[in-house]
């Protein structure tokens, strides 16, 4: 990529095929939520999954054993977005009470707050952590993106934006992206004060950005918007490779999409509650799963695994039905 982008490493991961995707079905469901799941995150190197829900709960799951290890309630502050730090039982989460927009560093082990991050004046709508670095980003409806060090109470940097921001940090923590207003702005994490080193267009889609993400190897990016578009770009050249279309979402919902571990497929929710999968190489839809729900589910692919999860008013683990796969050979 031109413009002085830092060098980024490649990372080869698990291979997923269309046949495996088409065989995916719900293997386990947790139905004990009394509100919609608003955020989920997998820890990069452990078997843990964390969820945040409108019922003001944070829940920690052991994915390998399909068990809920702990439920922590955040009745005073509510909870909206949640992400793991590098530590498997420590998370950062945002509030949802309308009066305190602080972020909180929480130990799930003993249910103790380790630090408060105060600075935003409106709801935080994007939270991005990097497992290799101590810094993280938060984007807010107050039209700011703040850069934080997990070891310090005060923000380390502030970037003003002209819209609802979506943020992402690449796997190495060298580059971060901020999306709003039909563009993705690319920053060198060490020289962000100089402004973006690249600005990528997403084909005239000016609707609000929801989610922006890097693929695991850093070569691709995706951006979802409220108009129901999922854009996939080459993160080095900024080329718009494909756009997938689903039902639009309301301003109170989030359209989330996720790359498969090796970046060959994209799975996404939809405004009508359905889930779709596309091939990045061909741009074609390869699988879909209809739903009776009326809102888009949260959706995350488990790192290095033949599994993804969806979160709505329940949490579902999706795995391949091996009986449908004639020539499948299991691989870790």
C-alpha atoms as a PDB file:
ATOM      1  CA  UNK A   1       0.000   0.000   0.000  1.00  0.00           C
ATOM      2  CA  UNK A   2       1.259   3.430  -0.854  1.00  0.00           C
ATOM      3  CA  UNK A   3       1.479   6.316   1.559  1.00  0.00           C
ATOM      4  CA  UNK A   4       3.830   4.870   4.132  1.00  0.00           C
ATOM      5  CA  UNK A   5       1.864   1.999   5.622  1.00  0.00           C
ATOM      6  CA  UNK A   6       3.797  -0.061   8.192  1.00  0.00           C
ATOM      7  CA  UNK A   7       4.811  -3.578   7.140  1.00  0.00           C
ATOM      8  CA  UNK A   8       2.326  -6.216   8.268  1.00  0.00           C
ATOM      9  CA  UNK A   9       2.810  -9.930   8.700  1.00  0.00           C
ATOM     10  CA  UNK A  10       0.835 -12.660   6.946  1.00  0.00           C
ATOM     11  CA  UNK A  11      -0.965 -15.309   8.938  1.00  0.00           C
ATOM     12  CA  UNK A  12      -2.184 -18.575   7.454  1.00  0.00           C
ATOM     13  CA  UNK A  13      -5.175 -20.161   9.148  1.00  0.00           C
ATOM     14  CA  UNK A  14      -7.731 -22.917   8.758  1.00  0.00           C
ATOM     15  CA  UNK A  15      -9.219 -23.660   5.330  1.00  0.00           C
ATOM     16  CA  UNK A  16     -13.004 -23.614   5.069  1.00  0.00           C
ATOM     17  CA  UNK A  17     -14.843 -24.855   1.968  1.00  0.00           C
ATOM     18  CA  UNK A  18     -18.247 -24.057   0.496  1.00  0.00           C
ATOM     19  CA  UNK A  19     -19.320 -27.615   1.315  1.00  0.00           C
ATOM     20  CA  UNK A  20     -18.415 -27.156   4.984  1.00  0.00           C
ATOM     21  CA  UNK A  21     -20.244 -23.823   5.117  1.00  0.00           C
ATOM     22  CA  UNK A  22     -23.379 -25.265   3.525  1.00  0.00           C
ATOM     23  CA  UNK A  23     -23.464 -28.027   6.150  1.00  0.00           C
ATOM     24  CA  UNK A  24     -23.338 -25.637   9.123  1.00  0.00           C
ATOM     25  CA  UNK A  25     -26.202 -25.992  11.590  1.00  0.00           C
ATOM     26  CA  UNK A  26     -26.931 -25.061  15.199  1.00  0.00           C
ATOM     27  CA  UNK A  27     -25.214 -27.504  17.528  1.00  0.00           C
ATOM     28  CA  UNK A  28     -25.969 -25.835  20.863  1.00  0.00           C
ATOM     29  CA  UNK A  29     -28.198 -22.961  21.988  1.00  0.00           C
ATOM     30  CA  UNK A  30     -28.330 -21.030  25.269  1.00  0.00           C
ATOM     31  CA  UNK A  31     -31.834 -19.598  25.746  1.00  0.00           C
ATOM     32  CA  UNK A  32     -31.548 -18.150  29.252  1.00  0.00           C
ATOM     33  CA  UNK A  33     -31.236 -14.514  28.134  1.00  0.00           C
ATOM     34  CA  UNK A  34     -34.004 -12.050  28.998  1.00  0.00           C
ATOM     35  CA  UNK A  35     -32.757  -9.436  26.495  1.00  0.00           C
ATOM     36  CA  UNK A  36     -30.995  -9.292  23.138  1.00  0.00           C
ATOM     37  CA  UNK A  37     -27.269  -9.938  22.903  1.00  0.00           C
ATOM     38  CA  UNK A  38     -25.614  -6.655  21.935  1.00  0.00           C
ATOM     39  CA  UNK A  39     -21.974  -7.756  21.618  1.00  0.00           C
ATOM     40  CA  UNK A  40     -19.764 -10.860  21.626  1.00  0.00           C
ATOM     41  CA  UNK A  41     -16.039 -11.530  21.505  1.00  0.00           C
ATOM     42  CA  UNK A  42     -13.780 -14.568  21.315  1.00  0.00           C
ATOM     43  CA  UNK A  43     -10.470 -14.561  23.122  1.00  0.00           C
ATOM     44  CA  UNK A  44      -7.701 -15.052  20.554  1.00  0.00           C
ATOM     45  CA  UNK A  45      -5.723 -17.776  22.332  1.00  0.00           C
ATOM     46  CA  UNK A  46      -8.104 -19.425  24.818  1.00  0.00           C
ATOM     47  CA  UNK A  47     -11.440 -21.221  24.486  1.00  0.00           C
ATOM     48  CA  UNK A  48     -13.398 -18.341  25.984  1.00  0.00           C
ATOM     49  CA  UNK A  49     -16.311 -16.374  24.575  1.00  0.00           C
ATOM     50  CA  UNK A  50     -17.843 -13.341  26.274  1.00  0.00           C
ATOM     51  CA  UNK A  51     -21.276 -11.846  25.582  1.00  0.00           C
ATOM     52  CA  UNK A  52     -23.030  -8.626  26.573  1.00  0.00           C
ATOM     53  CA  UNK A  53     -26.802  -8.438  26.673  1.00  0.00           C
ATOM     54  CA  UNK A  54     -29.648  -5.968  27.081  1.00  0.00           C
ATOM     55  CA  UNK A  55     -30.558  -7.866  30.259  1.00  0.00           C
ATOM     56  CA  UNK A  56     -27.494  -6.068  31.724  1.00  0.00           C
ATOM     57  CA  UNK A  57     -25.419  -9.228  31.952  1.00  0.00           C
ATOM     58  CA  UNK A  58     -21.893 -10.161  30.911  1.00  0.00           C
ATOM     59  CA  UNK A  59     -21.447 -13.922  30.425  1.00  0.00           C
ATOM     60  CA  UNK A  60     -18.286 -15.953  30.070  1.00  0.00           C
ATOM     61  CA  UNK A  61     -18.412 -19.256  28.158  1.00  0.00           C
ATOM     62  CA  UNK A  62     -16.004 -22.136  27.814  1.00  0.00           C
ATOM     63  CA  UNK A  63     -16.484 -22.909  24.112  1.00  0.00           C
ATOM     64  CA  UNK A  64     -14.652 -26.255  24.185  1.00  0.00           C
ATOM     65  CA  UNK A  65     -17.067 -27.612  26.784  1.00  0.00           C
ATOM     66  CA  UNK A  66     -20.105 -25.530  25.729  1.00  0.00           C
ATOM     67  CA  UNK A  67     -20.689 -24.277  29.247  1.00  0.00           C
ATOM     68  CA  UNK A  68     -21.429 -20.896  30.781  1.00  0.00           C
ATOM     69  CA  UNK A  69     -18.747 -20.347  33.402  1.00  0.00           C
ATOM     70  CA  UNK A  70     -19.947 -17.099  34.896  1.00  0.00           C
ATOM     71  CA  UNK A  71     -22.655 -14.438  34.702  1.00  0.00           C
ATOM     72  CA  UNK A  72     -21.835 -10.945  35.955  1.00  0.00           C
ATOM     73  CA  UNK A  73     -24.565  -8.325  36.177  1.00  0.00           C
ATOM     74  CA  UNK A  74     -23.965  -4.651  35.426  1.00  0.00           C
ATOM     75  CA  UNK A  75     -27.284  -3.275  36.658  1.00  0.00           C
ATOM     76  CA  UNK A  76     -25.961   0.156  37.565  1.00  0.00           C
ATOM     77  CA  UNK A  77     -24.243   0.933  34.263  1.00  0.00           C
ATOM     78  CA  UNK A  78     -25.827  -1.470  31.797  1.00  0.00           C
ATOM     79  CA  UNK A  79     -23.595  -3.061  29.181  1.00  0.00           C
ATOM     80  CA  UNK A  80     -23.471  -2.590  25.424  1.00  0.00           C
ATOM     81  CA  UNK A  81     -20.106  -3.480  23.813  1.00  0.00           C
ATOM     82  CA  UNK A  82     -17.599  -5.927  25.292  1.00  0.00           C
ATOM     83  CA  UNK A  83     -14.114  -7.048  24.197  1.00  0.00           C
ATOM     84  CA  UNK A  84     -11.409  -9.226  25.682  1.00  0.00           C
ATOM     85  CA  UNK A  85      -8.019  -7.801  26.527  1.00  0.00           C
ATOM     86  CA  UNK A  86      -5.002 -10.081  25.969  1.00  0.00           C
ATOM     87  CA  UNK A  87      -5.894 -11.729  29.294  1.00  0.00           C
ATOM     88  CA  UNK A  88      -8.622 -14.396  28.974  1.00  0.00           C
ATOM     89  CA  UNK A  89     -10.621 -13.251  32.011  1.00  0.00           C
ATOM     90  CA  UNK A  90     -10.304  -9.488  31.622  1.00  0.00           C
ATOM     91  CA  UNK A  91     -12.643  -7.420  29.426  1.00  0.00           C
ATOM     92  CA  UNK A  92     -13.366  -3.817  28.565  1.00  0.00           C
ATOM     93  CA  UNK A  93     -17.010  -2.873  28.175  1.00  0.00           C
ATOM     94  CA  UNK A  94     -19.151   0.170  27.444  1.00  0.00           C
ATOM     95  CA  UNK A  95     -22.183   1.397  29.359  1.00  0.00           C
ATOM     96  CA  UNK A  96     -25.788   1.553  28.232  1.00  0.00           C
ATOM     97  CA  UNK A  97     -27.482   3.660  30.864  1.00  0.00           C
ATOM     98  CA  UNK A  98     -27.538   7.040  29.129  1.00  0.00           C
ATOM     99  CA  UNK A  99     -25.821   8.935  31.926  1.00  0.00           C
ATOM    100  CA  UNK A 100     -22.302   7.500  32.230  1.00  0.00           C
ATOM    101  CA  UNK A 101     -20.379   6.859  29.009  1.00  0.00           C
ATOM    102  CA  UNK A 102     -17.230   5.600  30.735  1.00  0.00           C
ATOM    103  CA  UNK A 103     -15.539   2.402  29.620  1.00  0.00           C
ATOM    104  CA  UNK A 104     -14.620  -0.145  32.269  1.00  0.00           C
ATOM    105  CA  UNK A 105     -11.779  -2.632  32.597  1.00  0.00           C
ATOM    106  CA  UNK A 106     -13.326  -5.579  34.430  1.00  0.00           C
ATOM    107  CA  UNK A 107     -11.787  -8.718  35.901  1.00  0.00           C
ATOM    108  CA  UNK A 108     -14.246 -11.554  35.295  1.00  0.00           C
ATOM    109  CA  UNK A 109     -12.254 -13.713  37.691  1.00  0.00           C
ATOM    110  CA  UNK A 110     -13.254 -11.768  40.807  1.00  0.00           C
ATOM    111  CA  UNK A 111     -15.768  -9.255  39.391  1.00  0.00           C
ATOM    112  CA  UNK A 112     -13.603  -6.222  40.148  1.00  0.00           C
ATOM    113  CA  UNK A 113     -13.189  -3.019  38.193  1.00  0.00           C
ATOM    114  CA  UNK A 114      -9.515  -2.463  37.471  1.00  0.00           C
ATOM    115  CA  UNK A 115      -9.797   0.886  35.693  1.00  0.00           C
ATOM    116  CA  UNK A 116     -12.292   3.430  34.367  1.00  0.00           C
ATOM    117  CA  UNK A 117     -11.778   5.205  31.041  1.00  0.00           C
ATOM    118  CA  UNK A 118     -13.642   8.512  31.043  1.00  0.00           C
ATOM    119  CA  UNK A 119     -13.816  10.875  28.082  1.00  0.00           C
ATOM    120  CA  UNK A 120     -16.824  10.267  25.856  1.00  0.00           C
ATOM    121  CA  UNK A 121     -19.959  12.398  26.133  1.00  0.00           C
ATOM    122  CA  UNK A 122     -22.351  10.166  24.205  1.00  0.00           C
ATOM    123  CA  UNK A 123     -22.900   6.441  23.632  1.00  0.00           C
ATOM    124  CA  UNK A 124     -19.873   4.420  22.560  1.00  0.00           C
ATOM    125  CA  UNK A 125     -20.752   2.595  19.323  1.00  0.00           C
ATOM    126  CA  UNK A 126     -17.373   1.056  18.453  1.00  0.00           C
ATOM    127  CA  UNK A 127     -14.739  -0.649  20.601  1.00  0.00           C
ATOM    128  CA  UNK A 128     -11.532  -2.123  19.126  1.00  0.00           C
ATOM    129  CA  UNK A 129      -8.778  -3.946  20.981  1.00  0.00           C
ATOM    130  CA  UNK A 130      -5.619  -5.618  19.742  1.00  0.00           C
ATOM    131  CA  UNK A 131      -4.421  -8.793  21.469  1.00  0.00           C
ATOM    132  CA  UNK A 132      -0.775  -7.849  20.794  1.00  0.00           C
ATOM    133  CA  UNK A 133      -0.842  -4.270  22.079  1.00  0.00           C
ATOM    134  CA  UNK A 134      -1.996  -2.447  25.196  1.00  0.00           C
ATOM    135  CA  UNK A 135      -3.784   0.320  23.310  1.00  0.00           C
ATOM    136  CA  UNK A 136      -7.412   0.313  22.139  1.00  0.00           C
ATOM    137  CA  UNK A 137      -9.887   2.560  20.330  1.00  0.00           C
ATOM    138  CA  UNK A 138     -13.391   3.712  21.168  1.00  0.00           C
ATOM    139  CA  UNK A 139     -15.724   5.552  18.801  1.00  0.00           C
ATOM    140  CA  UNK A 140     -18.749   7.470  20.018  1.00  0.00           C
ATOM    141  CA  UNK A 141     -21.865   9.267  18.827  1.00  0.00           C
ATOM    142  CA  UNK A 142     -20.167  12.376  20.233  1.00  0.00           C
ATOM    143  CA  UNK A 143     -18.219  12.237  16.926  1.00  0.00           C
ATOM    144  CA  UNK A 144     -14.897  11.388  18.462  1.00  0.00           C
ATOM    145  CA  UNK A 145     -12.528   8.438  18.411  1.00  0.00           C
ATOM    146  CA  UNK A 146     -10.350   8.139  21.511  1.00  0.00           C
ATOM    147  CA  UNK A 147      -7.092   6.195  21.772  1.00  0.00           C
ATOM    148  CA  UNK A 148      -6.412   4.591  25.124  1.00  0.00           C
ATOM    149  CA  UNK A 149      -3.645   2.743  26.913  1.00  0.00           C
ATOM    150  CA  UNK A 150      -5.098   0.003  29.128  1.00  0.00           C
ATOM    151  CA  UNK A 151      -2.620   1.015  31.837  1.00  0.00           C
ATOM    152  CA  UNK A 152      -3.725   4.682  32.006  1.00  0.00           C
ATOM    153  CA  UNK A 153      -6.981   6.364  33.011  1.00  0.00           C
ATOM    154  CA  UNK A 154      -6.788   9.245  30.541  1.00  0.00           C
ATOM    155  CA  UNK A 155      -7.041   8.927  26.780  1.00  0.00           C
ATOM    156  CA  UNK A 156      -3.773   9.122  24.858  1.00  0.00           C
ATOM    157  CA  UNK A 157      -5.210  10.685  21.723  1.00  0.00           C
ATOM    158  CA  UNK A 158      -8.374  12.149  20.200  1.00  0.00           C
ATOM    159  CA  UNK A 159      -9.564  12.189  16.584  1.00  0.00           C
ATOM    160  CA  UNK A 160     -12.632  14.159  15.518  1.00  0.00           C
ATOM    161  CA  UNK A 161     -14.964  12.622  12.932  1.00  0.00           C
ATOM    162  CA  UNK A 162     -17.969  13.840  10.934  1.00  0.00           C
ATOM    163  CA  UNK A 163     -20.366  11.000  11.575  1.00  0.00           C
ATOM    164  CA  UNK A 164     -20.959   7.771  13.459  1.00  0.00           C
ATOM    165  CA  UNK A 165     -17.518   6.091  13.604  1.00  0.00           C
ATOM    166  CA  UNK A 166     -16.674   2.410  13.162  1.00  0.00           C
ATOM    167  CA  UNK A 167     -13.137   1.436  14.199  1.00  0.00           C
ATOM    168  CA  UNK A 168     -10.794  -1.529  13.752  1.00  0.00           C
ATOM    169  CA  UNK A 169      -7.189  -2.420  14.614  1.00  0.00           C
ATOM    170  CA  UNK A 170      -5.229  -4.909  12.523  1.00  0.00           C
ATOM    171  CA  UNK A 171      -3.850  -8.089  14.137  1.00  0.00           C
ATOM    172  CA  UNK A 172      -0.353  -6.647  14.590  1.00  0.00           C
ATOM    173  CA  UNK A 173      -1.631  -3.399  16.107  1.00  0.00           C
ATOM    174  CA  UNK A 174       0.304  -1.331  13.571  1.00  0.00           C
ATOM    175  CA  UNK A 175      -2.599   0.055  11.553  1.00  0.00           C
ATOM    176  CA  UNK A 176      -6.082   1.140  12.514  1.00  0.00           C
ATOM    177  CA  UNK A 177      -9.101   2.161  10.487  1.00  0.00           C
ATOM    178  CA  UNK A 178     -11.925   4.612  11.110  1.00  0.00           C
ATOM    179  CA  UNK A 179     -14.990   4.437   8.845  1.00  0.00           C
ATOM    180  CA  UNK A 180     -17.731   7.032   8.434  1.00  0.00           C
ATOM    181  CA  UNK A 181     -19.442   8.967   5.682  1.00  0.00           C
ATOM    182  CA  UNK A 182     -18.748   6.518   2.854  1.00  0.00           C
ATOM    183  CA  UNK A 183     -14.986   6.261   3.430  1.00  0.00           C
ATOM    184  CA  UNK A 184     -12.482   4.212   5.429  1.00  0.00           C
ATOM    185  CA  UNK A 185      -9.539   6.200   6.754  1.00  0.00           C
ATOM    186  CA  UNK A 186      -6.320   4.283   7.419  1.00  0.00           C
ATOM    187  CA  UNK A 187      -3.917   5.395  10.169  1.00  0.00           C
ATOM    188  CA  UNK A 188      -0.419   4.399  11.226  1.00  0.00           C
ATOM    189  CA  UNK A 189      -0.864   3.692  14.939  1.00  0.00           C
ATOM    190  CA  UNK A 190       2.517   5.278  15.718  1.00  0.00           C
ATOM    191  CA  UNK A 191       1.895   8.446  13.704  1.00  0.00           C
ATOM    192  CA  UNK A 192      -1.859   8.885  13.800  1.00  0.00           C
ATOM    193  CA  UNK A 193      -1.485  12.595  14.643  1.00  0.00           C
ATOM    194  CA  UNK A 194      -0.419  13.150  11.027  1.00  0.00           C
ATOM    195  CA  UNK A 195      -3.851  12.052   9.848  1.00  0.00           C
ATOM    196  CA  UNK A 196      -4.776   9.132   7.589  1.00  0.00           C
ATOM    197  CA  UNK A 197      -2.136   7.823   5.197  1.00  0.00           C
ATOM    198  CA  UNK A 198      -4.892   6.459   2.932  1.00  0.00           C
ATOM    199  CA  UNK A 199      -8.602   7.113   2.429  1.00  0.00           C
ATOM    200  CA  UNK A 200     -10.666   4.398   0.722  1.00  0.00           C
ATOM    201  CA  UNK A 201     -14.081   4.922  -0.887  1.00  0.00           C
ATOM    202  CA  UNK A 202     -16.812   2.302  -0.535  1.00  0.00           C
ATOM    203  CA  UNK A 203     -18.641   3.101  -3.749  1.00  0.00           C
ATOM    204  CA  UNK A 204     -20.835   5.989  -2.690  1.00  0.00           C
ATOM    205  CA  UNK A 205     -22.556   4.258   0.235  1.00  0.00           C
ATOM    206  CA  UNK A 206     -23.141   7.204   2.556  1.00  0.00           C
ATOM    207  CA  UNK A 207     -25.312   5.396   5.111  1.00  0.00           C
ATOM    208  CA  UNK A 208     -24.023   5.058   8.667  1.00  0.00           C
ATOM    209  CA  UNK A 209     -21.077   2.734   9.185  1.00  0.00           C
ATOM    210  CA  UNK A 210     -21.787  -0.122  11.606  1.00  0.00           C
ATOM    211  CA  UNK A 211     -18.770  -2.451  11.692  1.00  0.00           C
ATOM    212  CA  UNK A 212     -15.331  -2.324  10.098  1.00  0.00           C
ATOM    213  CA  UNK A 213     -12.931  -5.301  10.396  1.00  0.00           C
ATOM    214  CA  UNK A 214      -9.631  -6.644   9.102  1.00  0.00           C
ATOM    215  CA  UNK A 215      -9.250 -10.248   8.003  1.00  0.00           C
ATOM    216  CA  UNK A 216      -6.834 -12.283  10.133  1.00  0.00           C
ATOM    217  CA  UNK A 217      -4.017 -11.913   7.606  1.00  0.00           C
ATOM    218  CA  UNK A 218      -4.655  -8.169   7.272  1.00  0.00           C
ATOM    219  CA  UNK A 219      -5.093  -8.324   3.496  1.00  0.00           C
ATOM    220  CA  UNK A 220      -8.826  -7.633   3.457  1.00  0.00           C
ATOM    221  CA  UNK A 221     -11.273  -5.357   5.205  1.00  0.00           C
ATOM    222  CA  UNK A 222     -15.032  -5.380   5.475  1.00  0.00           C
ATOM    223  CA  UNK A 223     -17.441  -2.578   6.259  1.00  0.00           C
ATOM    224  CA  UNK A 224     -21.140  -2.940   7.052  1.00  0.00           C
ATOM    225  CA  UNK A 225     -23.626  -0.079   6.816  1.00  0.00           C
ATOM    226  CA  UNK A 226     -27.201   0.517   7.946  1.00  0.00           C
ATOM    227  CA  UNK A 227     -28.467   0.349   4.340  1.00  0.00           C
ATOM    228  CA  UNK A 228     -27.675  -3.376   4.406  1.00  0.00           C
ATOM    229  CA  UNK A 229     -24.413  -3.333   2.458  1.00  0.00           C
ATOM    230  CA  UNK A 230     -21.319  -5.383   3.291  1.00  0.00           C
ATOM    231  CA  UNK A 231     -18.296  -4.035   1.413  1.00  0.00           C
ATOM    232  CA  UNK A 232     -15.079  -6.058   1.073  1.00  0.00           C
ATOM    233  CA  UNK A 233     -11.885  -4.190   0.168  1.00  0.00           C
ATOM    234  CA  UNK A 234      -8.235  -4.936  -0.443  1.00  0.00           C
ATOM    235  CA  UNK A 235      -6.685  -3.300   2.635  1.00  0.00           C
ATOM    236  CA  UNK A 236      -3.412  -2.495   0.848  1.00  0.00           C
ATOM    237  CA  UNK A 237      -4.764  -0.927  -2.343  1.00  0.00           C
ATOM    238  CA  UNK A 238      -8.201   0.139  -1.173  1.00  0.00           C
ATOM    239  CA  UNK A 239      -9.833  -1.622  -4.130  1.00  0.00           C
ATOM    240  CA  UNK A 240     -13.504  -2.408  -3.565  1.00  0.00           C
ATOM    241  CA  UNK A 241     -13.624  -6.139  -4.329  1.00  0.00           C
ATOM    242  CA  UNK A 242     -17.307  -6.850  -3.783  1.00  0.00           C
ATOM    243  CA  UNK A 243     -20.476  -5.608  -2.121  1.00  0.00           C
ATOM    244  CA  UNK A 244     -23.073  -7.976  -0.656  1.00  0.00           C
ATOM    245  CA  UNK A 245     -26.604  -6.779   0.016  1.00  0.00           C
ATOM    246  CA  UNK A 246     -28.969  -7.782   2.810  1.00  0.00           C
ATOM    247  CA  UNK A 247     -32.036  -6.192   4.376  1.00  0.00           C
ATOM    248  CA  UNK A 248     -31.320  -2.724   5.864  1.00  0.00           C
ATOM    249  CA  UNK A 249     -31.205  -2.341   9.632  1.00  0.00           C
ATOM    250  CA  UNK A 250     -32.762   0.218  11.942  1.00  0.00           C
ATOM    251  CA  UNK A 251     -30.678   2.936  13.574  1.00  0.00           C
ATOM    252  CA  UNK A 252     -30.969   1.063  16.872  1.00  0.00           C
ATOM    253  CA  UNK A 253     -29.596  -2.192  15.400  1.00  0.00           C
ATOM    254  CA  UNK A 254     -26.121  -3.225  14.261  1.00  0.00           C
ATOM    255  CA  UNK A 255     -25.378  -5.115  11.057  1.00  0.00           C
ATOM    256  CA  UNK A 256     -22.447  -7.350  11.927  1.00  0.00           C
ATOM    257  CA  UNK A 257     -20.363  -9.473   9.556  1.00  0.00           C
ATOM    258  CA  UNK A 258     -17.314 -11.653  10.105  1.00  0.00           C
ATOM    259  CA  UNK A 259     -14.537 -13.145   7.980  1.00  0.00           C
ATOM    260  CA  UNK A 260     -13.930 -16.884   8.186  1.00  0.00           C
ATOM    261  CA  UNK A 261     -10.518 -17.598   9.773  1.00  0.00           C
ATOM    262  CA  UNK A 262      -8.597 -17.745   6.480  1.00  0.00           C
ATOM    263  CA  UNK A 263     -10.528 -14.825   4.974  1.00  0.00           C
ATOM    264  CA  UNK A 264     -12.094 -16.739   2.073  1.00  0.00           C
ATOM    265  CA  UNK A 265     -15.695 -16.247   3.174  1.00  0.00           C
ATOM    266  CA  UNK A 266     -17.825 -13.573   4.804  1.00  0.00           C
ATOM    267  CA  UNK A 267     -20.817 -14.382   7.005  1.00  0.00           C
ATOM    268  CA  UNK A 268     -23.304 -11.693   7.961  1.00  0.00           C
ATOM    269  CA  UNK A 269     -26.573 -11.035   9.655  1.00  0.00           C
ATOM    270  CA  UNK A 270     -29.418  -9.231   7.936  1.00  0.00           C
ATOM    271  CA  UNK A 271     -32.157  -6.796   8.858  1.00  0.00           C
ATOM    272  CA  UNK A 272     -34.678  -9.637   8.574  1.00  0.00           C
ATOM    273  CA  UNK A 273     -32.759 -11.783  11.099  1.00  0.00           C
ATOM    274  CA  UNK A 274     -31.323 -14.193   8.507  1.00  0.00           C
ATOM    275  CA  UNK A 275     -27.669 -15.212   8.146  1.00  0.00           C
ATOM    276  CA  UNK A 276     -25.821 -15.310   4.812  1.00  0.00           C
ATOM    277  CA  UNK A 277     -22.404 -16.463   3.614  1.00  0.00           C
ATOM    278  CA  UNK A 278     -20.503 -15.345   0.516  1.00  0.00           C
ATOM    279  CA  UNK A 279     -17.304 -16.374  -1.211  1.00  0.00           C
ATOM    280  CA  UNK A 280     -14.789 -13.530  -1.244  1.00  0.00           C
ATOM    281  CA  UNK A 281     -13.141 -14.994  -4.373  1.00  0.00           C
ATOM    282  CA  UNK A 282     -16.289 -15.280  -6.507  1.00  0.00           C
ATOM    283  CA  UNK A 283     -18.470 -12.712  -4.771  1.00  0.00           C
ATOM    284  CA  UNK A 284     -21.366 -15.178  -4.852  1.00  0.00           C
ATOM    285  CA  UNK A 285     -23.700 -16.224  -2.053  1.00  0.00           C
ATOM    286  CA  UNK A 286     -22.812 -19.767  -0.996  1.00  0.00           C
ATOM    287  CA  UNK A 287     -25.147 -20.401   1.939  1.00  0.00           C
ATOM    288  CA  UNK A 288     -28.049 -18.866   3.840  1.00  0.00           C
ATOM    289  CA  UNK A 289     -30.013 -19.657   6.967  1.00  0.00           C
ATOM    290  CA  UNK A 290     -33.473 -18.135   7.340  1.00  0.00           C
ATOM    291  CA  UNK A 291     -34.848 -16.933  10.667  1.00  0.00           C
ATOM    292  CA  UNK A 292     -38.128 -15.971  12.294  1.00  0.00           C
ATOM    293  CA  UNK A 293     -36.295 -13.134  14.048  1.00  0.00           C
ATOM    294  CA  UNK A 294     -36.791  -9.553  12.892  1.00  0.00           C
ATOM    295  CA  UNK A 295     -33.437  -8.048  13.874  1.00  0.00           C
ATOM    296  CA  UNK A 296     -29.903  -8.812  12.723  1.00  0.00           C
ATOM    297  CA  UNK A 297     -27.981 -11.208  14.977  1.00  0.00           C
ATOM    298  CA  UNK A 298     -24.530 -10.522  16.316  1.00  0.00           C
ATOM    299  CA  UNK A 299     -22.173 -12.884  14.495  1.00  0.00           C
ATOM    300  CA  UNK A 300     -18.580 -13.988  15.129  1.00  0.00           C
ATOM    301  CA  UNK A 301     -16.402 -16.734  13.708  1.00  0.00           C
ATOM    302  CA  UNK A 302     -14.395 -18.629  16.327  1.00  0.00           C
ATOM    303  CA  UNK A 303     -10.615 -18.197  15.792  1.00  0.00           C
ATOM    304  CA  UNK A 304      -9.086 -21.133  13.924  1.00  0.00           C
ATOM    305  CA  UNK A 305     -12.225 -23.234  14.252  1.00  0.00           C
ATOM    306  CA  UNK A 306     -15.027 -24.787  12.207  1.00  0.00           C
ATOM    307  CA  UNK A 307     -17.580 -22.833  14.195  1.00  0.00           C
ATOM    308  CA  UNK A 308     -19.332 -19.497  14.317  1.00  0.00           C
ATOM    309  CA  UNK A 309     -21.771 -18.104  16.861  1.00  0.00           C
ATOM    310  CA  UNK A 310     -24.849 -15.931  16.524  1.00  0.00           C
ATOM    311  CA  UNK A 311     -26.413 -13.862  19.265  1.00  0.00           C
ATOM    312  CA  UNK A 312     -29.977 -12.558  19.312  1.00  0.00           C
ATOM    313  CA  UNK A 313     -32.318 -13.239  22.224  1.00  0.00           C
ATOM    314  CA  UNK A 314     -30.361 -16.494  22.466  1.00  0.00           C
ATOM    315  CA  UNK A 315     -26.794 -17.642  21.854  1.00  0.00           C
ATOM    316  CA  UNK A 316     -26.261 -20.304  19.171  1.00  0.00           C
ATOM    317  CA  UNK A 317     -23.124 -22.260  18.263  1.00  0.00           C
ATOM    318  CA  UNK A 318     -23.005 -23.294  14.581  1.00  0.00           C
ATOM    319  CA  UNK A 319     -20.930 -26.327  13.542  1.00  0.00           C
ATOM    320  CA  UNK A 320     -20.707 -28.514  10.414  1.00  0.00           C
ATOM    321  CA  UNK A 321     -22.922 -31.571  10.142  1.00  0.00           C
ATOM    322  CA  UNK A 322     -20.185 -34.045   9.252  1.00  0.00           C
ATOM    323  CA  UNK A 323     -22.741 -36.596   8.012  1.00  0.00           C
ATOM    324  CA  UNK A 324     -23.402 -34.255   5.078  1.00  0.00           C
ATOM    325  CA  UNK A 325     -19.732 -34.070   4.100  1.00  0.00           C
ATOM    326  CA  UNK A 326     -18.701 -36.981   1.923  1.00  0.00           C
ATOM    327  CA  UNK A 327     -14.961 -36.422   1.618  1.00  0.00           C
ATOM    328  CA  UNK A 328     -14.357 -34.361   4.744  1.00  0.00           C
ATOM    329  CA  UNK A 329     -11.151 -34.991   6.601  1.00  0.00           C
ATOM    330  CA  UNK A 330     -11.069 -33.350  10.055  1.00  0.00           C
ATOM    331  CA  UNK A 331      -8.306 -30.853  10.692  1.00  0.00           C
ATOM    332  CA  UNK A 332      -7.488 -28.663  13.614  1.00  0.00           C
END
